[in-house]
C-alpha atoms as a PDB file:
ATOM      1  CA  MET A   1      96.799 117.342  73.259  1.00  0.00           C
ATOM      2  CA  PRO A   2      98.241 117.916  76.750  1.00  0.00           C
ATOM      3  CA  THR A   3     100.625 120.625  78.025  1.00  0.00           C
ATOM      4  CA  PRO A   4     103.838 120.274  78.179  1.00  0.00           C
ATOM      5  CA  LYS A   5     103.488 120.345  81.903  1.00  0.00           C
ATOM      6  CA  LYS A   6     101.019 117.719  81.914  1.00  0.00           C
ATOM      7  CA  GLU A   7     103.382 115.969  79.522  1.00  0.00           C
ATOM      8  CA  GLN A   8     106.072 115.967  82.554  1.00  0.00           C
ATOM      9  CA  LEU A   9     103.523 114.397  84.952  1.00  0.00           C
ATOM     10  CA  ILE A  10     102.616 111.812  82.578  1.00  0.00           C
ATOM     11  CA  GLU A  11     106.688 111.051  82.388  1.00  0.00           C
ATOM     12  CA  LYS A  12     106.832 110.811  86.229  1.00  0.00           C
ATOM     13  CA  VAL A  13     103.913 108.990  86.954  1.00  0.00           C
ATOM     14  CA  ARG A  14     105.066 106.295  84.176  1.00  0.00           C
ATOM     15  CA  GLU A  15     108.632 106.171  85.672  1.00  0.00           C
ATOM     16  CA  ARG A  16     107.128 105.418  88.891  1.00  0.00           C
ATOM     17  CA  VAL A  17     104.299 102.765  87.272  1.00  0.00           C
ATOM     18  CA  GLU A  18     107.418 101.342  85.230  1.00  0.00           C
ATOM     19  CA  ARG A  19     109.755 101.149  88.607  1.00  0.00           C
ATOM     20  CA  SER A  20     106.966  99.554  90.786  1.00  0.00           C
ATOM     21  CA  ARG A  21     106.434  96.039  91.252  1.00  0.00           C
ATOM     22  CA  MET A  22     102.649  96.556  92.491  1.00  0.00           C
ATOM     23  CA  ALA A  23     100.515  99.363  92.803  1.00  0.00           C
ATOM     24  CA  VAL A  24      97.419 100.038  94.787  1.00  0.00           C
ATOM     25  CA  LEU A  25      94.717 102.294  93.629  1.00  0.00           C
ATOM     26  CA  VAL A  26      92.796 104.160  96.307  1.00  0.00           C
ATOM     27  CA  ASP A  27      89.812 106.495  97.100  1.00  0.00           C
ATOM     28  CA  TYR A  28      91.544 109.514  99.793  1.00  0.00           C
ATOM     29  CA  ARG A  29      88.243 111.302  99.818  1.00  0.00           C
ATOM     30  CA  GLY A  30      87.607 112.710 103.120  1.00  0.00           C
ATOM     31  CA  MET A  31      91.846 111.889 104.296  1.00  0.00           C
ATOM     32  CA  SER A  32      93.178 115.495 105.587  1.00  0.00           C
ATOM     33  CA  VAL A  33      96.445 117.028 104.413  1.00  0.00           C
ATOM     34  CA  ALA A  34      98.187 115.801 107.634  1.00  0.00           C
ATOM     35  CA  GLN A  35      96.807 112.190 107.283  1.00  0.00           C
ATOM     36  CA  GLN A  36      97.924 111.716 103.676  1.00  0.00           C
ATOM     37  CA  GLU A  37     101.445 113.330 104.783  1.00  0.00           C
ATOM     38  CA  GLU A  38     101.736 110.928 107.827  1.00  0.00           C
ATOM     39  CA  LEU A  39     100.580 107.938 105.504  1.00  0.00           C
ATOM     40  CA  ARG A  40     103.457 109.509 102.817  1.00  0.00           C
ATOM     41  CA  HIS A  41     106.047 108.971 105.738  1.00  0.00           C
ATOM     42  CA  VAL A  42     104.622 105.298 106.967  1.00  0.00           C
ATOM     43  CA  LEU A  43     104.897 104.547 103.376  1.00  0.00           C
ATOM     44  CA  ARG A  44     108.492 106.134 102.607  1.00  0.00           C
ATOM     45  CA  ALA A  45     109.823 103.349 105.670  1.00  0.00           C
ATOM     46  CA  GLN A  46     108.351 100.470 103.567  1.00  0.00           C
ATOM     47  CA  SER A  47     109.662 101.082 100.037  1.00  0.00           C
ATOM     48  CA  ALA A  48     106.235 102.349  98.812  1.00  0.00           C
ATOM     49  CA  GLU A  49     105.007 105.632  97.719  1.00  0.00           C
ATOM     50  CA  LEU A  50     101.517 107.378  97.857  1.00  0.00           C
ATOM     51  CA  LYS A  51     101.237 109.732  95.048  1.00  0.00           C
ATOM     52  CA  VAL A  52      97.642 111.651  94.343  1.00  0.00           C
ATOM     53  CA  VAL A  53      97.216 111.565  90.272  1.00  0.00           C
ATOM     54  CA  LYS A  54      94.381 112.673  88.245  1.00  0.00           C
ATOM     55  CA  ASN A  55      92.669 110.134  86.882  1.00  0.00           C
ATOM     56  CA  THR A  56      93.103 111.214  83.047  1.00  0.00           C
ATOM     57  CA  LEU A  57      97.091 111.319  83.649  1.00  0.00           C
ATOM     58  CA  LEU A  58      97.476 107.853  85.571  1.00  0.00           C
ATOM     59  CA  LYS A  59      95.100 106.584  82.406  1.00  0.00           C
ATOM     60  CA  ARG A  60      97.707 107.919  80.141  1.00  0.00           C
ATOM     61  CA  ALA A  61     101.017 106.897  81.806  1.00  0.00           C
ATOM     62  CA  THR A  62      99.672 103.387  82.419  1.00  0.00           C
ATOM     63  CA  ASP A  63      98.795 103.047  78.697  1.00  0.00           C
ATOM     64  CA  ALA A  64     102.173 104.340  77.890  1.00  0.00           C
ATOM     65  CA  VAL A  65     103.700 101.505  79.695  1.00  0.00           C
ATOM     66  CA  GLY A  66     101.320  99.135  77.929  1.00  0.00           C
ATOM     67  CA  LEU A  67      98.927  98.299  80.790  1.00  0.00           C
ATOM     68  CA  ASN A  68      96.018  98.410  78.447  1.00  0.00           C
ATOM     69  CA  PHE A  69      94.620  95.605  80.789  1.00  0.00           C
ATOM     70  CA  ILE A  70      93.113  98.121  83.606  1.00  0.00           C
ATOM     71  CA  PRO A  71      89.753  98.841  83.073  1.00  0.00           C
ATOM     72  CA  GLY A  72      88.385 102.504  82.694  1.00  0.00           C
ATOM     73  CA  ASP A  73      86.359 102.468  85.937  1.00  0.00           C
ATOM     74  CA  ALA A  74      89.291 102.032  87.932  1.00  0.00           C
ATOM     75  CA  PHE A  75      90.100 105.598  86.985  1.00  0.00           C
ATOM     76  CA  SER A  76      87.258 106.952  88.964  1.00  0.00           C
ATOM     77  CA  GLY A  77      86.580 109.186  91.910  1.00  0.00           C
ATOM     78  CA  GLN A  78      89.517 110.471  93.584  1.00  0.00           C
ATOM     79  CA  THR A  79      92.450 108.472  93.092  1.00  0.00           C
ATOM     80  CA  ALA A  80      95.743 108.244  94.880  1.00  0.00           C
ATOM     81  CA  VAL A  81      98.181 105.564  94.124  1.00  0.00           C
ATOM     82  CA  ILE A  82     100.306 103.489  96.393  1.00  0.00           C
ATOM     83  CA  PHE A  83     103.136 102.468  94.795  1.00  0.00           C
ATOM     84  CA  GLY A  84     105.423  99.536  95.841  1.00  0.00           C
ATOM     85  CA  TYR A  85     108.848  98.982  94.884  1.00  0.00           C
ATOM     86  CA  ASP A  86     110.483  95.713  96.713  1.00  0.00           C
ATOM     87  CA  ASP A  87     108.005  93.016  96.307  1.00  0.00           C
ATOM     88  CA  LEU A  88     104.393  92.578  95.062  1.00  0.00           C
ATOM     89  CA  VAL A  89     103.200  92.498  98.397  1.00  0.00           C
ATOM     90  CA  THR A  90     104.290  95.750  99.910  1.00  0.00           C
ATOM     91  CA  ALA A  91     101.805  98.161  98.169  1.00  0.00           C
ATOM     92  CA  PRO A  92      99.070  95.666  99.106  1.00  0.00           C
ATOM     93  CA  LYS A  93      99.949  95.089 102.677  1.00  0.00           C
ATOM     94  CA  ALA A  94     100.700  98.876 103.163  1.00  0.00           C
ATOM     95  CA  ALA A  95      96.928  99.570 101.608  1.00  0.00           C
ATOM     96  CA  VAL A  96      95.170  97.657 104.090  1.00  0.00           C
ATOM     97  CA  VAL A  97      97.444  98.616 106.878  1.00  0.00           C
ATOM     98  CA  ALA A  98      96.317 102.360 106.263  1.00  0.00           C
ATOM     99  CA  ALA A  99      93.166 101.125 105.222  1.00  0.00           C
ATOM    100  CA  LYS A 100      91.975  99.825 108.860  1.00  0.00           C
ATOM    101  CA  LYS A 101      93.686 103.016 110.454  1.00  0.00           C
ATOM    102  CA  TYR A 102      92.003 105.868 108.367  1.00  0.00           C
ATOM    103  CA  GLU A 103      88.738 105.057 107.384  1.00  0.00           C
ATOM    104  CA  GLN A 104      88.262 107.352 104.780  1.00  0.00           C
ATOM    105  CA  LEU A 105      90.900 105.542 102.429  1.00  0.00           C
ATOM    106  CA  VAL A 106      89.015 102.887 100.289  1.00  0.00           C
ATOM    107  CA  ILE A 107      90.821 100.539  98.384  1.00  0.00           C
ATOM    108  CA  LYS A 108      89.662 100.447  94.888  1.00  0.00           C
ATOM    109  CA  SER A 109      91.881  98.096  92.753  1.00  0.00           C
ATOM    110  CA  GLY A 110      95.474  97.207  91.914  1.00  0.00           C
ATOM    111  CA  PHE A 111      98.011  96.123  89.185  1.00  0.00           C
ATOM    112  CA  SER A 112     101.112  95.097  88.485  1.00  0.00           C
ATOM    113  CA  LYS A 113     103.222  94.935  85.090  1.00  0.00           C
ATOM    114  CA  ASP A 114     101.211  92.039  83.825  1.00  0.00           C
ATOM    115  CA  MET A 115      97.696  91.793  85.832  1.00  0.00           C
ATOM    116  CA  PHE A 116      94.937  93.310  86.958  1.00  0.00           C
ATOM    117  CA  PHE A 117      93.704  92.716  90.809  1.00  0.00           C
ATOM    118  CA  SER A 118      89.976  93.727  92.324  1.00  0.00           C
ATOM    119  CA  GLU A 119      89.761  94.893  96.010  1.00  0.00           C
ATOM    120  CA  ALA A 120      89.586  91.674  96.968  1.00  0.00           C
ATOM    121  CA  GLN A 121      92.495  90.412  95.505  1.00  0.00           C
ATOM    122  CA  VAL A 122      94.462  93.307  96.728  1.00  0.00           C
ATOM    123  CA  ARG A 123      93.325  92.147 100.189  1.00  0.00           C
ATOM    124  CA  GLN A 124      94.344  88.429  99.394  1.00  0.00           C
ATOM    125  CA  LEU A 125      97.645  89.808  98.388  1.00  0.00           C
ATOM    126  CA  SER A 126      97.944  91.329 101.246  1.00  0.00           C
ATOM    127  CA  SER A 127      97.801  88.325 103.511  1.00  0.00           C
ATOM    128  CA  ILE A 128     100.448  87.076 101.730  1.00  0.00           C
ATOM    129  CA  PRO A 129     103.951  86.910 103.777  1.00  0.00           C
ATOM    130  CA  GLY A 130     106.969  89.099 102.201  1.00  0.00           C
ATOM    131  CA  ARG A 131     109.691  88.252 100.563  1.00  0.00           C
ATOM    132  CA  ASP A 132     111.912  88.294 103.721  1.00  0.00           C
ATOM    133  CA  GLN A 133     109.436  85.939 105.542  1.00  0.00           C
ATOM    134  CA  LEU A 134     109.522  83.880 102.717  1.00  0.00           C
ATOM    135  CA  TYR A 135     112.990  83.184 102.946  1.00  0.00           C
ATOM    136  CA  GLY A 136     113.041  82.469 106.405  1.00  0.00           C
ATOM    137  CA  GLN A 137     110.298  79.965 106.209  1.00  0.00           C
ATOM    138  CA  LEU A 138     112.204  78.567 103.016  1.00  0.00           C
ATOM    139  CA  VAL A 139     115.253  78.497 105.402  1.00  0.00           C
ATOM    140  CA  SER A 140     113.785  76.714 108.258  1.00  0.00           C
ATOM    141  CA  THR A 141     112.157  74.256 106.063  1.00  0.00           C
ATOM    142  CA  MET A 142     115.389  73.287 104.642  1.00  0.00           C
ATOM    143  CA  ALA A 143     117.331  73.406 107.889  1.00  0.00           C
ATOM    144  CA  GLY A 144     115.145  70.675 109.582  1.00  0.00           C
ATOM    145  CA  PRO A 145     116.181  67.627 107.760  1.00  0.00           C
ATOM    146  CA  LEU A 146     119.521  68.449 108.241  1.00  0.00           C
ATOM    147  CA  ARG A 147     118.698  69.310 111.948  1.00  0.00           C
ATOM    148  CA  ASN A 148     117.200  65.719 111.946  1.00  0.00           C
ATOM    149  CA  ILE A 149     120.618  63.833 110.400  1.00  0.00           C
ATOM    150  CA  VAL A 150     123.034  65.994 112.974  1.00  0.00           C
ATOM    151  CA  SER A 151     121.015  64.971 115.668  1.00  0.00           C
ATOM    152  CA  VAL A 152     120.830  61.035 114.273  1.00  0.00           C
ATOM    153  CA  LEU A 153     124.790  61.373 114.005  1.00  0.00           C
ATOM    154  CA  GLN A 154     125.235  62.754 117.549  1.00  0.00           C
ATOM    155  CA  GLY A 155     122.946  59.946 118.499  1.00  0.00           C
ATOM    156  CA  ASN A 156     125.385  57.281 117.275  1.00  0.00           C
ATOM    157  CA  ILE A 157     128.347  59.050 118.592  1.00  0.00           C
ATOM    158  CA  ARG A 158     126.743  58.930 122.086  1.00  0.00           C
ATOM    159  CA  ASN A 159     126.114  55.664 122.052  1.00  0.00           C
ATOM    160  CA  LEU A 160     129.559  54.894 121.107  1.00  0.00           C
ATOM    161  CA  VAL A 161     130.928  56.719 124.011  1.00  0.00           C
ATOM    162  CA  TYR A 162     128.529  55.015 126.261  1.00  0.00           C
ATOM    163  CA  ALA A 163     129.793  51.458 125.054  1.00  0.00           C
ATOM    164  CA  LEU A 164     133.506  52.534 125.227  1.00  0.00           C
ATOM    165  CA  ASN A 165     132.941  53.811 128.751  1.00  0.00           C
ATOM    166  CA  ALA A 166     131.007  50.555 129.619  1.00  0.00           C
ATOM    167  CA  VAL A 167     134.209  48.316 128.111  1.00  0.00           C
ATOM    168  CA  ARG A 168     136.477  50.422 130.584  1.00  0.00           C
ATOM    169  CA  GLU A 169     134.624  50.448 133.328  1.00  0.00           C
ATOM    170  CA  LYS A 170     134.331  46.810 133.049  1.00  0.00           C
ATOM    171  CA  LYS A 171     138.096  46.073 132.394  1.00  0.00           C
ATOM    172  CA  ALA A 172     139.015  48.227 135.340  1.00  0.00           C
ATOM    173  CA  ALA A 173     136.337  46.460 137.461  1.00  0.00           C
END
């Protein structure tokens, strides 16, 4: 039976798990406190958060939310969790960038509300464009045909103007 203090910690972690769109489990062994603080600051700017959590408390929090599909070996070693709150790719992108910057940081796995991701899958997710970039691509794709229609219509009007100018010059001569 957990103590009241541990129950509070489990509840806080459970709230973060519920609020996040995606979470990435990382092994932070060897990182200094200063590096962790710097990483936290960078993540905060990206609507993400790094939390160091005891494995047993994290397991209980994920089980309380109904994420029983996460294998038990995901909760081993020194575990920190990068919670991404905006979209599914925020946490993986942040984790991969951080792992490149800090060699000690090792990506272990990740999970969303309904799926578990291996380390390789987390890396694949990080290569997907973010929501804003996807919206930009969608708008650009949708605007292409409209741009072509405008160009064709302008071409017809332009040809009409040239023809009328030619008729006017012919009558003037």
